[in-house]
């Protein structure tokens, strides 16, 4: 980037900082400036113009260096932008595109500059969402399916397993697509742990971590999700299906509120600036399913914005805002978490508005059967105090429901291939595992292992899943019952 002196000479105008409310500076001069334009201060710090006034220009300082009144400021004649390109793959960067770790420099081979805050793409560039998005987590893929290009909010109180679920999903998607993870205002130790997990357990070269810690300058924290979305758009334009995770937008809103109050803007509900809904809607609307004109194919940006609740309150300002912007939400329940079920997702209180349309006729019918089974199981549990006096049909429902809950509770960071999820859930629905409730988790993992290691099993599962009618599918399953049960009890180890 050119120096302050070069920009001042090029533009032949400069301003002077008259007042500071860090990270905001109020500059007199710069008559030709525009909203959102980058500026550079005489000590080479950069900033962004966030407000224009008859008497001054408001500048949001983005560099963590000392600024004092009297310093000169020059315009850059361009909107705030970052360098994007293949050089970012596998790296952890700050919101300005610089490496987070001094011992991991970024070697630039090819790059382009992109403005981080843009108008969301026009509806003419969008396509109907038709493809499923698999997380590798059975309770999501079977009961609350997601779609490529969907924006699904992740809600829940602190320490209810949201981050573990996200890391599992990231690892699963990184096998076939690009992941951009935005860590917004997280403790520095958490960011390092997250990056170490990615390096050790995931396909690192397909993941980009954009992070601003809680100790960073708050202006950098507020631009973090926009940098992440800009990088995601670059890879979308290369023909890649991208997953972008915003962890979390409730923290982002708090830091943005702090800047709004420092700027003495009139506070709205809960002291948040009046444009907070617009800000998050403008960000999330950049996700979706699009048509790639060069490659003649559909490409998507799937968004998972995280929002922390307080005592499971859905009516909080930021929570209700994000719910109204997104295409559904997954609610992580503290009570379910305390019972030891992972992930601790409350299915009745969660919503997915698009994923169901991407299911096949078979999986859609199976979804309904599993939902009915869960509801009947919850109802039957209220009669368990009768013990041996329970009717036989109710005992079957309790056994099958217990099997289903055991199946849906996955070990930390474990992913299950989608065909294995469908076949194993069907075995539970058909009542094959009622007498083996304790072995359900182990049998599921055995079946997944066999499926991934033996081509003939893979072909059998694909053949079964090509059947469209659930009754015909069940008939074919029964013909393979002994074989499938033997696979569940075997292991390649």
Foldseek 3Di string as FASTA:
>chain_A
DDAQVVQCVVVVWKWFFDDDPPVKTKTFTPVPDDAQFKKAWNVRWIWGFHDDDPGTTITGTDDPDDDDGGIMMGTPPDGDKEKEDLQQFLFEEELRRAGPDPVDGGDDDDIDIDHLFDFADDPVFADAFAAWQDQLFLCCCQQPTHTFLFEAEEEEAPPLCPVLSVLLSQQVCLVAFAEEEEAAAAAPVVVVVSSVCCVPPHPSRRYGYYYDHVPHRLVSSLSRLSSSLVNVVVRVLVVTAYEYEANAVQSSQVSQLVVCVSVVADADPVSGHPCSLVVVLSSSSNWGWGARVPVRDIYTYYYYHYDYDDPPDCPDPVNVSSCVRGQWYWYRDPVQSVVPFPSRTDSVPTHGRRRLSNDALQSNVLNVLLVVLLVLLVVLVVVCVVPPPDDPVSLLSVLLNLLVSLLSRAPRSRGADPLLSVLLNVCSSVSVCSVPSVCSHQLSVLLRQCCVPDVVNVVVSVVLVVDRDNVVSVVVCVVCVVVSSVSSVDHPD
